[in-house]
Amino acid sequence: MSKNRICELLGIRYPIIQAPMNWVSGADLVAAVSDSGGLGTLGPNAGADHITEDVGLTGERMRAQIRKVRKHTQAPFAVNIVVGFGEDVKYSRKMVDVIVEEEVPVAIVSVGSPDVYTQELKDAGIKVLHAISTPRHAKKAEKAGVDAVICEGYEAGGHKGFTELTTLVLTPMVADAVNIPVITGGGIGDARGVLAALVLGADGIYMGTRFMATRESNSHNRVKDAIVGGKDACTVSVPKDHMMARDLINNFTKEYAALKTAGADPEVINNYLDEHSQYRSQHLGEADAAEICCGQVAGLITEVTGVGDVMTDILESLGPRFDELKRKVADFF
């Protein structure tokens, strides 16, 4: 992997980036992924045990998590900056200030324009990876000066744009559109997914849900069990005001869909989302009554393991999977 563009760019051993997961990816998970050779990423609410609208507290909670990661590993890691819109930009503004002050090596920027923070972050010596959902967005990010783009297919968990391009289609589109490195995610949970992403033209892979179901993640044990218990079509797309989410199917998703179908007032819908947020599933263990963002790959996850086991299984399986691929391709000639 020494000549891989993502490894060289980020100073990591393997081109495996742990996707940021709001309440899930705290310092323990991030340090474990980075120490195993990938790139761990702190989520926006890393380490938080309650919801706050205090901008200063938001920033200081992240600062504490950054310092905790550094106590456990000297390897590179990232912090997710959710740019946001309108009044919410005050939170991302604070996050940028903190990660510049703490000299975090990598920023993963999402939900917003690459024109907002890219130059400021790069001037501070921080590598910038920007999340996009179309080739057009990828070109815009490249023009803004980001170091690499991250594309997430329709299969991916969490929040993203309304486009329905799958990983299989989006990845080569983006790889053809830009000259900078491409990281791709959505439906990747084992060596087969990693190899497929590289064949499609990606330089690195972006994996969240598989890391959610590890011992080091901050997910409540009932959430981890729900993911392991998911079979085949166990997730659903959930449209919201400004973006699309992919969630594990449970009572929350069913009631939310019923409200949307009935044409409920937007205030009623927003109140329902607030009362059944990810915080309630991830921290209070309301695995059936609250939102659980996760990707379709949940159907492939059969047990909760350690981060080291996930990484080892992928890396040890890549060689045999690659040999198998070569044999299959050779059959065409």
C-alpha atoms as a PDB file:
ATOM      1  CA  MET A   1       0.000   0.000   0.000  1.00  0.00           C
ATOM      2  CA  SER A   2       3.065   2.284   0.178  1.00  0.00           C
ATOM      3  CA  LYS A   3       2.375   3.875  -3.237  1.00  0.00           C
ATOM      4  CA  ASN A   4      -1.322   4.389  -2.656  1.00  0.00           C
ATOM      5  CA  ARG A   5      -2.218   8.074  -3.085  1.00  0.00           C
ATOM      6  CA  ILE A   6      -4.412   8.226   0.010  1.00  0.00           C
ATOM      7  CA  CYS A   7      -1.804   6.528   2.186  1.00  0.00           C
ATOM      8  CA  GLU A   8       0.857   8.943   0.992  1.00  0.00           C
ATOM      9  CA  LEU A   9      -1.426  11.964   1.400  1.00  0.00           C
ATOM     10  CA  LEU A  10      -2.531  11.146   4.941  1.00  0.00           C
ATOM     11  CA  GLY A  11       0.486   9.280   6.250  1.00  0.00           C
ATOM     12  CA  ILE A  12      -1.452   6.086   7.005  1.00  0.00           C
ATOM     13  CA  ARG A  13      -0.635   2.430   6.311  1.00  0.00           C
ATOM     14  CA  TYR A  14      -3.931   1.360   4.755  1.00  0.00           C
ATOM     15  CA  PRO A  15      -6.420   3.403   2.675  1.00  0.00           C
ATOM     16  CA  ILE A  16      -9.295   2.717   5.050  1.00  0.00           C
ATOM     17  CA  ILE A  17     -11.050   5.792   6.441  1.00  0.00           C
ATOM     18  CA  GLN A  18     -13.545   5.431   9.271  1.00  0.00           C
ATOM     19  CA  ALA A  19     -16.533   7.573   8.357  1.00  0.00           C
ATOM     20  CA  PRO A  20     -17.613  10.057  11.047  1.00  0.00           C
ATOM     21  CA  MET A  21     -20.778   9.014  12.832  1.00  0.00           C
ATOM     22  CA  ASN A  22     -22.409  11.770  14.855  1.00  0.00           C
ATOM     23  CA  TRP A  23     -22.717  10.326  18.384  1.00  0.00           C
ATOM     24  CA  VAL A  24     -20.883   7.095  17.624  1.00  0.00           C
ATOM     25  CA  SER A  25     -17.280   7.808  16.703  1.00  0.00           C
ATOM     26  CA  GLY A  26     -15.603   9.011  19.889  1.00  0.00           C
ATOM     27  CA  ALA A  27     -11.962   8.958  20.870  1.00  0.00           C
ATOM     28  CA  ASP A  28     -11.785   5.214  21.656  1.00  0.00           C
ATOM     29  CA  LEU A  29     -13.036   4.191  18.213  1.00  0.00           C
ATOM     30  CA  VAL A  30     -10.949   6.787  16.408  1.00  0.00           C
ATOM     31  CA  ALA A  31      -7.739   5.858  18.212  1.00  0.00           C
ATOM     32  CA  ALA A  32      -8.332   2.158  17.564  1.00  0.00           C
ATOM     33  CA  VAL A  33      -8.856   2.667  13.820  1.00  0.00           C
ATOM     34  CA  SER A  34      -5.845   4.953  13.456  1.00  0.00           C
ATOM     35  CA  ASP A  35      -3.646   2.691  15.565  1.00  0.00           C
ATOM     36  CA  SER A  36      -4.637  -0.217  13.296  1.00  0.00           C
ATOM     37  CA  GLY A  37      -3.328   1.630  10.249  1.00  0.00           C
ATOM     38  CA  GLY A  38      -6.463   3.367   8.968  1.00  0.00           C
ATOM     39  CA  LEU A  39      -7.726   6.882   9.578  1.00  0.00           C
ATOM     40  CA  GLY A  40     -10.128   7.338  12.488  1.00  0.00           C
ATOM     41  CA  THR A  41     -12.521  10.296  12.420  1.00  0.00           C
ATOM     42  CA  LEU A  42     -14.172  12.074  15.344  1.00  0.00           C
ATOM     43  CA  GLY A  43     -17.874  12.746  14.742  1.00  0.00           C
ATOM     44  CA  PRO A  44     -19.506  16.129  15.483  1.00  0.00           C
ATOM     45  CA  ASN A  45     -20.825  14.966  18.879  1.00  0.00           C
ATOM     46  CA  ALA A  46     -17.886  12.738  19.759  1.00  0.00           C
ATOM     47  CA  GLY A  47     -17.813  11.882  23.445  1.00  0.00           C
ATOM     48  CA  ALA A  48     -20.920  13.937  24.237  1.00  0.00           C
ATOM     49  CA  ASP A  49     -23.502  12.519  26.619  1.00  0.00           C
ATOM     50  CA  HIS A  50     -26.147  15.193  26.148  1.00  0.00           C
ATOM     51  CA  ILE A  51     -27.457  17.618  23.536  1.00  0.00           C
ATOM     52  CA  THR A  52     -26.333  21.237  23.769  1.00  0.00           C
ATOM     53  CA  GLU A  53     -26.845  24.447  21.812  1.00  0.00           C
ATOM     54  CA  ASP A  54     -23.866  26.068  23.548  1.00  0.00           C
ATOM     55  CA  VAL A  55     -21.301  26.822  20.843  1.00  0.00           C
ATOM     56  CA  GLY A  56     -18.437  27.150  23.302  1.00  0.00           C
ATOM     57  CA  LEU A  57     -19.257  23.848  24.996  1.00  0.00           C
ATOM     58  CA  THR A  58     -19.508  22.153  21.594  1.00  0.00           C
ATOM     59  CA  GLY A  59     -15.987  23.268  20.771  1.00  0.00           C
ATOM     60  CA  GLU A  60     -14.503  22.319  24.135  1.00  0.00           C
ATOM     61  CA  ARG A  61     -16.065  18.861  24.019  1.00  0.00           C
ATOM     62  CA  MET A  62     -14.317  18.325  20.691  1.00  0.00           C
ATOM     63  CA  ARG A  63     -11.035  19.658  22.068  1.00  0.00           C
ATOM     64  CA  ALA A  64     -11.208  17.126  24.918  1.00  0.00           C
ATOM     65  CA  GLN A  65     -11.829  14.297  22.433  1.00  0.00           C
ATOM     66  CA  ILE A  66      -8.911  15.370  20.253  1.00  0.00           C
ATOM     67  CA  ARG A  67      -6.601  15.308  23.239  1.00  0.00           C
ATOM     68  CA  LYS A  68      -7.948  11.936  24.343  1.00  0.00           C
ATOM     69  CA  VAL A  69      -7.199  10.457  20.903  1.00  0.00           C
ATOM     70  CA  ARG A  70      -3.620  11.702  21.193  1.00  0.00           C
ATOM     71  CA  LYS A  71      -3.212   9.967  24.550  1.00  0.00           C
ATOM     72  CA  HIS A  72      -3.963   6.630  22.880  1.00  0.00           C
ATOM     73  CA  THR A  73      -2.190   6.930  19.525  1.00  0.00           C
ATOM     74  CA  GLN A  74       0.412   8.963  17.705  1.00  0.00           C
ATOM     75  CA  ALA A  75      -1.089   8.011  14.333  1.00  0.00           C
ATOM     76  CA  PRO A  76      -2.924  10.547  12.117  1.00  0.00           C
ATOM     77  CA  PHE A  77      -6.665  11.039  12.639  1.00  0.00           C
ATOM     78  CA  ALA A  78      -9.415  13.352  11.414  1.00  0.00           C
ATOM     79  CA  VAL A  79     -12.241  15.523  12.697  1.00  0.00           C
ATOM     80  CA  ASN A  80     -15.534  15.918  10.840  1.00  0.00           C
ATOM     81  CA  ILE A  81     -16.668  19.482  10.159  1.00  0.00           C
ATOM     82  CA  VAL A  82     -20.355  19.725   9.249  1.00  0.00           C
ATOM     83  CA  VAL A  83     -20.500  23.133   7.534  1.00  0.00           C
ATOM     84  CA  GLY A  84     -24.258  23.538   7.890  1.00  0.00           C
ATOM     85  CA  PHE A  85     -26.509  26.356   6.786  1.00  0.00           C
ATOM     86  CA  GLY A  86     -27.778  29.612   8.249  1.00  0.00           C
ATOM     87  CA  GLU A  87     -27.429  29.863  12.035  1.00  0.00           C
ATOM     88  CA  ASP A  88     -25.902  26.385  12.263  1.00  0.00           C
ATOM     89  CA  VAL A  89     -22.674  27.629  10.679  1.00  0.00           C
ATOM     90  CA  LYS A  90     -21.684  29.006  14.089  1.00  0.00           C
ATOM     91  CA  TYR A  91     -20.989  25.437  15.231  1.00  0.00           C
ATOM     92  CA  SER A  92     -18.735  24.589  12.297  1.00  0.00           C
ATOM     93  CA  ARG A  93     -16.961  27.923  12.714  1.00  0.00           C
ATOM     94  CA  LYS A  94     -16.096  26.929  16.271  1.00  0.00           C
ATOM     95  CA  MET A  95     -14.993  23.455  15.162  1.00  0.00           C
ATOM     96  CA  VAL A  96     -12.592  24.956  12.643  1.00  0.00           C
ATOM     97  CA  ASP A  97     -11.094  27.205  15.304  1.00  0.00           C
ATOM     98  CA  VAL A  98     -10.560  24.254  17.634  1.00  0.00           C
ATOM     99  CA  ILE A  99      -8.981  21.884  15.127  1.00  0.00           C
ATOM    100  CA  VAL A 100      -6.644  24.619  13.874  1.00  0.00           C
ATOM    101  CA  GLU A 101      -5.609  25.406  17.455  1.00  0.00           C
ATOM    102  CA  GLU A 102      -5.122  21.697  18.205  1.00  0.00           C
ATOM    103  CA  GLU A 103      -3.238  21.110  14.926  1.00  0.00           C
ATOM    104  CA  VAL A 104      -5.424  18.205  13.854  1.00  0.00           C
ATOM    105  CA  PRO A 105      -3.827  16.672  10.724  1.00  0.00           C
ATOM    106  CA  VAL A 106      -6.978  15.965   8.674  1.00  0.00           C
ATOM    107  CA  ALA A 107     -10.450  17.501   8.318  1.00  0.00           C
ATOM    108  CA  ILE A 108     -13.376  15.690   6.719  1.00  0.00           C
ATOM    109  CA  VAL A 109     -15.783  18.419   5.601  1.00  0.00           C
ATOM    110  CA  SER A 110     -19.416  17.676   4.765  1.00  0.00           C
ATOM    111  CA  VAL A 111     -22.890  19.201   4.293  1.00  0.00           C
ATOM    112  CA  GLY A 112     -21.818  22.480   2.766  1.00  0.00           C
ATOM    113  CA  SER A 113     -19.734  24.237   0.142  1.00  0.00           C
ATOM    114  CA  PRO A 114     -15.995  23.556  -0.170  1.00  0.00           C
ATOM    115  CA  ASP A 115     -15.521  27.303  -0.598  1.00  0.00           C
ATOM    116  CA  VAL A 116     -16.282  28.019   3.060  1.00  0.00           C
ATOM    117  CA  TYR A 117     -13.326  26.572   5.005  1.00  0.00           C
ATOM    118  CA  THR A 118     -10.962  24.793   2.594  1.00  0.00           C
ATOM    119  CA  GLN A 119      -8.379  27.525   2.157  1.00  0.00           C
ATOM    120  CA  GLU A 120      -8.308  28.392   5.851  1.00  0.00           C
ATOM    121  CA  LEU A 121      -7.756  24.762   6.783  1.00  0.00           C
ATOM    122  CA  LYS A 122      -5.057  24.251   4.159  1.00  0.00           C
ATOM    123  CA  ASP A 123      -3.287  27.441   5.263  1.00  0.00           C
ATOM    124  CA  ALA A 124      -3.104  25.847   8.712  1.00  0.00           C
ATOM    125  CA  GLY A 125      -1.437  22.749   7.251  1.00  0.00           C
ATOM    126  CA  ILE A 126      -4.516  20.543   7.527  1.00  0.00           C
ATOM    127  CA  LYS A 127      -5.391  18.033   4.799  1.00  0.00           C
ATOM    128  CA  VAL A 128      -8.949  18.552   3.581  1.00  0.00           C
ATOM    129  CA  LEU A 129     -11.218  15.719   2.434  1.00  0.00           C
ATOM    130  CA  HIS A 130     -14.597  16.942   1.182  1.00  0.00           C
ATOM    131  CA  ALA A 131     -17.746  14.809   0.951  1.00  0.00           C
ATOM    132  CA  ILE A 132     -19.656  15.077  -2.353  1.00  0.00           C
ATOM    133  CA  SER A 133     -22.576  13.291  -3.998  1.00  0.00           C
ATOM    134  CA  THR A 134     -22.129  13.999  -7.740  1.00  0.00           C
ATOM    135  CA  PRO A 135     -19.247  14.435 -10.213  1.00  0.00           C
ATOM    136  CA  ARG A 136     -20.215  18.107 -10.537  1.00  0.00           C
ATOM    137  CA  HIS A 137     -19.749  18.611  -6.812  1.00  0.00           C
ATOM    138  CA  ALA A 138     -16.437  16.756  -7.027  1.00  0.00           C
ATOM    139  CA  LYS A 139     -15.163  19.139  -9.685  1.00  0.00           C
ATOM    140  CA  LYS A 140     -16.212  22.126  -7.576  1.00  0.00           C
ATOM    141  CA  ALA A 141     -14.369  20.710  -4.571  1.00  0.00           C
ATOM    142  CA  GLU A 142     -11.250  20.090  -6.643  1.00  0.00           C
ATOM    143  CA  LYS A 143     -11.368  23.671  -7.915  1.00  0.00           C
ATOM    144  CA  ALA A 144     -11.668  24.914  -4.313  1.00  0.00           C
ATOM    145  CA  GLY A 145      -8.396  23.163  -3.522  1.00  0.00           C
ATOM    146  CA  VAL A 146      -9.416  20.145  -1.438  1.00  0.00           C
ATOM    147  CA  ASP A 147      -6.862  17.346  -1.181  1.00  0.00           C
ATOM    148  CA  ALA A 148      -9.312  14.525  -1.914  1.00  0.00           C
ATOM    149  CA  VAL A 149     -13.024  13.957  -2.354  1.00  0.00           C
ATOM    150  CA  ILE A 150     -15.262  11.451  -0.623  1.00  0.00           C
ATOM    151  CA  CYS A 151     -18.236  10.056  -2.518  1.00  0.00           C
ATOM    152  CA  GLU A 152     -20.956   8.102  -0.755  1.00  0.00           C
ATOM    153  CA  GLY A 153     -23.285   5.863  -2.691  1.00  0.00           C
ATOM    154  CA  TYR A 154     -26.999   5.545  -2.084  1.00  0.00           C
ATOM    155  CA  GLU A 155     -26.319   2.453   0.031  1.00  0.00           C
ATOM    156  CA  ALA A 156     -24.453   4.484   2.648  1.00  0.00           C
ATOM    157  CA  GLY A 157     -25.848   5.174   6.095  1.00  0.00           C
ATOM    158  CA  GLY A 158     -26.381   8.529   7.740  1.00  0.00           C
ATOM    159  CA  HIS A 159     -27.200  11.819   6.067  1.00  0.00           C
ATOM    160  CA  LYS A 160     -26.390  12.722   2.477  1.00  0.00           C
ATOM    161  CA  GLY A 161     -27.863  14.458  -0.561  1.00  0.00           C
ATOM    162  CA  PHE A 162     -31.025  13.477  -2.412  1.00  0.00           C
ATOM    163  CA  THR A 163     -29.194  11.945  -5.360  1.00  0.00           C
ATOM    164  CA  GLU A 164     -29.711   8.215  -5.727  1.00  0.00           C
ATOM    165  CA  LEU A 165     -26.427   7.285  -7.394  1.00  0.00           C
ATOM    166  CA  THR A 166     -25.147   3.966  -6.094  1.00  0.00           C
ATOM    167  CA  THR A 167     -21.525   3.296  -5.161  1.00  0.00           C
ATOM    168  CA  LEU A 168     -21.095   1.150  -8.272  1.00  0.00           C
ATOM    169  CA  VAL A 169     -22.044   4.073 -10.531  1.00  0.00           C
ATOM    170  CA  LEU A 170     -20.915   7.123  -8.551  1.00  0.00           C
ATOM    171  CA  THR A 171     -17.355   5.962  -7.893  1.00  0.00           C
ATOM    172  CA  PRO A 172     -16.164   5.642 -11.520  1.00  0.00           C
ATOM    173  CA  MET A 173     -18.046   8.823 -12.437  1.00  0.00           C
ATOM    174  CA  VAL A 174     -16.128  10.786  -9.814  1.00  0.00           C
ATOM    175  CA  ALA A 175     -12.828   9.038 -10.570  1.00  0.00           C
ATOM    176  CA  ASP A 176     -13.213  10.115 -14.219  1.00  0.00           C
ATOM    177  CA  ALA A 177     -14.170  13.677 -13.261  1.00  0.00           C
ATOM    178  CA  VAL A 178     -11.236  14.720 -11.046  1.00  0.00           C
ATOM    179  CA  ASN A 179      -7.471  14.315 -10.824  1.00  0.00           C
ATOM    180  CA  ILE A 180      -7.235  14.347  -7.034  1.00  0.00           C
ATOM    181  CA  PRO A 181      -7.603  11.149  -4.973  1.00  0.00           C
ATOM    182  CA  VAL A 182     -11.080   9.660  -4.573  1.00  0.00           C
ATOM    183  CA  ILE A 183     -12.387   7.932  -1.464  1.00  0.00           C
ATOM    184  CA  THR A 184     -15.645   6.013  -1.743  1.00  0.00           C
ATOM    185  CA  GLY A 185     -18.181   4.569   0.658  1.00  0.00           C
ATOM    186  CA  GLY A 186     -21.570   2.923   0.756  1.00  0.00           C
ATOM    187  CA  GLY A 187     -22.057  -0.833   1.085  1.00  0.00           C
ATOM    188  CA  ILE A 188     -18.465  -1.571   2.129  1.00  0.00           C
ATOM    189  CA  GLY A 189     -17.928  -3.814   5.123  1.00  0.00           C
ATOM    190  CA  ASP A 190     -15.368  -6.452   4.193  1.00  0.00           C
ATOM    191  CA  ALA A 191     -12.486  -7.227   1.814  1.00  0.00           C
ATOM    192  CA  ARG A 192     -14.834  -7.796  -1.115  1.00  0.00           C
ATOM    193  CA  GLY A 193     -16.166  -4.243  -0.804  1.00  0.00           C
ATOM    194  CA  VAL A 194     -12.685  -2.777  -0.438  1.00  0.00           C
ATOM    195  CA  LEU A 195     -11.433  -4.578  -3.521  1.00  0.00           C
ATOM    196  CA  ALA A 196     -14.517  -3.588  -5.515  1.00  0.00           C
ATOM    197  CA  ALA A 197     -14.034   0.083  -4.592  1.00  0.00           C
ATOM    198  CA  LEU A 198     -10.417   0.025  -5.737  1.00  0.00           C
ATOM    199  CA  VAL A 199     -11.370  -1.660  -9.016  1.00  0.00           C
ATOM    200  CA  LEU A 200     -14.013   1.041  -9.581  1.00  0.00           C
ATOM    201  CA  GLY A 201     -11.315   3.700  -9.429  1.00  0.00           C
ATOM    202  CA  ALA A 202     -11.231   4.752  -5.784  1.00  0.00           C
ATOM    203  CA  ASP A 203      -7.924   5.355  -4.006  1.00  0.00           C
ATOM    204  CA  GLY A 204      -9.396   4.675  -0.581  1.00  0.00           C
ATOM    205  CA  ILE A 205     -12.554   3.464   1.121  1.00  0.00           C
ATOM    206  CA  TYR A 206     -14.930   5.109   3.580  1.00  0.00           C
ATOM    207  CA  MET A 207     -16.541   2.754   6.079  1.00  0.00           C
ATOM    208  CA  GLY A 208     -18.926   3.626   8.892  1.00  0.00           C
ATOM    209  CA  THR A 209     -21.557   1.034   9.739  1.00  0.00           C
ATOM    210  CA  ARG A 210     -19.058  -1.812  10.132  1.00  0.00           C
ATOM    211  CA  PHE A 211     -17.133   0.248  12.672  1.00  0.00           C
ATOM    212  CA  MET A 212     -20.384   1.169  14.445  1.00  0.00           C
ATOM    213  CA  ALA A 213     -20.798  -2.489  15.384  1.00  0.00           C
ATOM    214  CA  THR A 214     -17.466  -2.729  17.204  1.00  0.00           C
ATOM    215  CA  ARG A 215     -16.659  -2.855  20.882  1.00  0.00           C
ATOM    216  CA  GLU A 216     -14.882   0.506  20.708  1.00  0.00           C
ATOM    217  CA  SER A 217     -17.769   2.492  19.227  1.00  0.00           C
ATOM    218  CA  ASN A 218     -19.999   4.623  21.421  1.00  0.00           C
ATOM    219  CA  SER A 219     -23.165   2.991  20.109  1.00  0.00           C
ATOM    220  CA  HIS A 220     -25.419   1.603  22.809  1.00  0.00           C
ATOM    221  CA  ASN A 221     -25.197  -2.195  23.009  1.00  0.00           C
ATOM    222  CA  ARG A 222     -28.871  -2.490  22.009  1.00  0.00           C
ATOM    223  CA  VAL A 223     -28.089  -0.543  18.833  1.00  0.00           C
ATOM    224  CA  LYS A 224     -25.164  -2.822  18.043  1.00  0.00           C
ATOM    225  CA  ASP A 225     -27.386  -5.856  18.588  1.00  0.00           C
ATOM    226  CA  ALA A 226     -30.050  -4.363  16.296  1.00  0.00           C
ATOM    227  CA  ILE A 227     -27.497  -3.918  13.515  1.00  0.00           C
ATOM    228  CA  VAL A 228     -26.219  -7.470  13.909  1.00  0.00           C
ATOM    229  CA  GLY A 229     -29.822  -8.670  13.833  1.00  0.00           C
ATOM    230  CA  GLY A 230     -30.554  -6.851  10.573  1.00  0.00           C
ATOM    231  CA  LYS A 231     -31.084  -9.123   7.575  1.00  0.00           C
ATOM    232  CA  ASP A 232     -30.906  -8.237   3.835  1.00  0.00           C
ATOM    233  CA  ALA A 233     -33.346  -5.308   3.290  1.00  0.00           C
ATOM    234  CA  CYS A 234     -33.060  -3.974   6.839  1.00  0.00           C
ATOM    235  CA  THR A 235     -32.566  -0.257   6.039  1.00  0.00           C
ATOM    236  CA  VAL A 236     -34.692   2.412   4.398  1.00  0.00           C
ATOM    237  CA  SER A 237     -34.204   5.873   2.889  1.00  0.00           C
ATOM    238  CA  VAL A 238     -35.675   8.610   5.068  1.00  0.00           C
ATOM    239  CA  PRO A 239     -36.262  11.971   3.331  1.00  0.00           C
ATOM    240  CA  LYS A 240     -35.905  15.074   5.480  1.00  0.00           C
ATOM    241  CA  ASP A 241     -36.014  18.813   4.783  1.00  0.00           C
ATOM    242  CA  HIS A 242     -32.509  19.375   3.442  1.00  0.00           C
ATOM    243  CA  MET A 243     -31.109  15.885   2.975  1.00  0.00           C
ATOM    244  CA  MET A 244     -31.712  12.173   2.801  1.00  0.00           C
ATOM    245  CA  ALA A 245     -30.900   9.701   5.574  1.00  0.00           C
ATOM    246  CA  ARG A 246     -30.515   5.936   5.524  1.00  0.00           C
ATOM    247  CA  ASP A 247     -31.748   4.310   8.718  1.00  0.00           C
ATOM    248  CA  LEU A 248     -32.197   0.869  10.182  1.00  0.00           C
ATOM    249  CA  ILE A 249     -35.853  -0.131   9.828  1.00  0.00           C
ATOM    250  CA  ASN A 250     -37.621   0.040  13.197  1.00  0.00           C
ATOM    251  CA  ASN A 251     -40.731   1.524  14.743  1.00  0.00           C
ATOM    252  CA  PHE A 252     -39.288   5.022  14.335  1.00  0.00           C
ATOM    253  CA  THR A 253     -38.951   4.708  10.550  1.00  0.00           C
ATOM    254  CA  LYS A 254     -42.423   3.215  10.230  1.00  0.00           C
ATOM    255  CA  GLU A 255     -44.100   5.981  12.245  1.00  0.00           C
ATOM    256  CA  TYR A 256     -42.100   8.658  10.439  1.00  0.00           C
ATOM    257  CA  ALA A 257     -43.162   7.259   7.053  1.00  0.00           C
ATOM    258  CA  ALA A 258     -46.779   7.236   8.210  1.00  0.00           C
ATOM    259  CA  LEU A 259     -46.563  10.918   9.195  1.00  0.00           C
ATOM    260  CA  LYS A 260     -45.070  11.835   5.810  1.00  0.00           C
ATOM    261  CA  THR A 261     -47.678   9.800   3.917  1.00  0.00           C
ATOM    262  CA  ALA A 262     -50.487  11.434   5.888  1.00  0.00           C
ATOM    263  CA  GLY A 263     -49.152  14.881   4.971  1.00  0.00           C
ATOM    264  CA  ALA A 264     -48.500  15.891   8.567  1.00  0.00           C
ATOM    265  CA  ASP A 265     -47.644  19.518   9.271  1.00  0.00           C
ATOM    266  CA  PRO A 266     -43.860  20.204   8.990  1.00  0.00           C
ATOM    267  CA  GLU A 267     -43.771  21.345  12.627  1.00  0.00           C
ATOM    268  CA  VAL A 268     -45.263  18.021  13.721  1.00  0.00           C
ATOM    269  CA  ILE A 269     -42.696  16.117  11.662  1.00  0.00           C
ATOM    270  CA  ASN A 270     -39.768  18.156  12.978  1.00  0.00           C
ATOM    271  CA  ASN A 271     -40.952  17.689  16.553  1.00  0.00           C
ATOM    272  CA  TYR A 272     -41.166  13.948  15.952  1.00  0.00           C
ATOM    273  CA  LEU A 273     -37.584  13.906  14.661  1.00  0.00           C
ATOM    274  CA  ASP A 274     -36.371  15.876  17.675  1.00  0.00           C
ATOM    275  CA  GLU A 275     -38.158  13.561  20.102  1.00  0.00           C
ATOM    276  CA  HIS A 276     -36.801  10.399  18.461  1.00  0.00           C
ATOM    277  CA  SER A 277     -33.269  11.516  17.542  1.00  0.00           C
ATOM    278  CA  GLN A 278     -30.078   9.503  17.217  1.00  0.00           C
ATOM    279  CA  TYR A 279     -29.135  10.651  20.692  1.00  0.00           C
ATOM    280  CA  ARG A 280     -32.000   8.611  22.121  1.00  0.00           C
ATOM    281  CA  SER A 281     -30.951   5.444  20.307  1.00  0.00           C
ATOM    282  CA  GLN A 282     -27.187   5.758  20.680  1.00  0.00           C
ATOM    283  CA  HIS A 283     -27.098   6.920  24.313  1.00  0.00           C
ATOM    284  CA  LEU A 284     -30.377   5.797  25.836  1.00  0.00           C
ATOM    285  CA  GLY A 285     -30.628   2.506  23.975  1.00  0.00           C
ATOM    286  CA  GLU A 286     -34.037   3.174  22.426  1.00  0.00           C
ATOM    287  CA  ALA A 287     -33.140   0.976  19.489  1.00  0.00           C
ATOM    288  CA  ASP A 288     -36.708   0.509  18.247  1.00  0.00           C
ATOM    289  CA  ALA A 289     -38.243   3.880  19.101  1.00  0.00           C
ATOM    290  CA  ALA A 290     -35.498   6.240  17.839  1.00  0.00           C
ATOM    291  CA  GLU A 291     -33.463   6.836  14.692  1.00  0.00           C
ATOM    292  CA  ILE A 292     -30.470   4.611  13.950  1.00  0.00           C
ATOM    293  CA  CYS A 293     -28.494   5.849  10.971  1.00  0.00           C
ATOM    294  CA  CYS A 294     -26.715   2.975   9.261  1.00  0.00           C
ATOM    295  CA  GLY A 295     -26.017   1.627   5.791  1.00  0.00           C
ATOM    296  CA  GLN A 296     -27.270  -1.343   3.819  1.00  0.00           C
ATOM    297  CA  VAL A 297     -24.104  -3.210   4.764  1.00  0.00           C
ATOM    298  CA  ALA A 298     -25.781  -3.873   8.125  1.00  0.00           C
ATOM    299  CA  GLY A 299     -27.228  -6.966   6.451  1.00  0.00           C
ATOM    300  CA  LEU A 300     -23.688  -8.364   6.132  1.00  0.00           C
ATOM    301  CA  ILE A 301     -22.656  -7.795   9.747  1.00  0.00           C
ATOM    302  CA  THR A 302     -23.046 -10.920  11.875  1.00  0.00           C
ATOM    303  CA  GLU A 303     -21.257 -10.065  15.123  1.00  0.00           C
ATOM    304  CA  VAL A 304     -19.833  -7.277  17.253  1.00  0.00           C
ATOM    305  CA  THR A 305     -16.037  -7.476  17.212  1.00  0.00           C
ATOM    306  CA  GLY A 306     -13.060  -5.276  17.992  1.00  0.00           C
ATOM    307  CA  VAL A 307     -11.701  -2.728  15.513  1.00  0.00           C
ATOM    308  CA  GLY A 308      -8.476  -4.718  15.249  1.00  0.00           C
ATOM    309  CA  ASP A 309     -10.453  -7.802  14.219  1.00  0.00           C
ATOM    310  CA  VAL A 310     -12.299  -5.841  11.514  1.00  0.00           C
ATOM    311  CA  MET A 311      -9.072  -4.452  10.081  1.00  0.00           C
ATOM    312  CA  THR A 312      -7.231  -7.773  10.258  1.00  0.00           C
ATOM    313  CA  ASP A 313     -10.077  -9.646   8.577  1.00  0.00           C
ATOM    314  CA  ILE A 314     -10.142  -7.157   5.690  1.00  0.00           C
ATOM    315  CA  LEU A 315      -6.385  -7.042   5.205  1.00  0.00           C
ATOM    316  CA  GLU A 316      -5.821 -10.788   5.449  1.00  0.00           C
ATOM    317  CA  SER A 317      -8.674 -11.471   3.035  1.00  0.00           C
ATOM    318  CA  LEU A 318      -7.583  -8.972   0.366  1.00  0.00           C
ATOM    319  CA  GLY A 319      -4.843 -11.160  -1.100  1.00  0.00           C
ATOM    320  CA  PRO A 320      -6.993 -14.272  -1.630  1.00  0.00           C
ATOM    321  CA  ARG A 321      -9.874 -12.126  -2.932  1.00  0.00           C
ATOM    322  CA  PHE A 322      -7.530 -10.400  -5.385  1.00  0.00           C
ATOM    323  CA  ASP A 323      -6.215 -13.757  -6.622  1.00  0.00           C
ATOM    324  CA  GLU A 324      -9.801 -14.938  -7.073  1.00  0.00           C
ATOM    325  CA  LEU A 325     -10.599 -11.806  -9.088  1.00  0.00           C
ATOM    326  CA  LYS A 326      -7.585 -12.335 -11.340  1.00  0.00           C
ATOM    327  CA  ARG A 327      -8.656 -15.895 -12.046  1.00  0.00           C
ATOM    328  CA  LYS A 328     -12.182 -14.784 -12.941  1.00  0.00           C
ATOM    329  CA  VAL A 329     -10.913 -12.048 -15.247  1.00  0.00           C
ATOM    330  CA  ALA A 330      -8.474 -14.469 -16.888  1.00  0.00           C
ATOM    331  CA  ASP A 331     -11.419 -16.648 -17.890  1.00  0.00           C
ATOM    332  CA  PHE A 332     -12.465 -13.944 -20.363  1.00  0.00           C
ATOM    333  CA  PHE A 333      -9.222 -14.234 -22.339  1.00  0.00           C
END
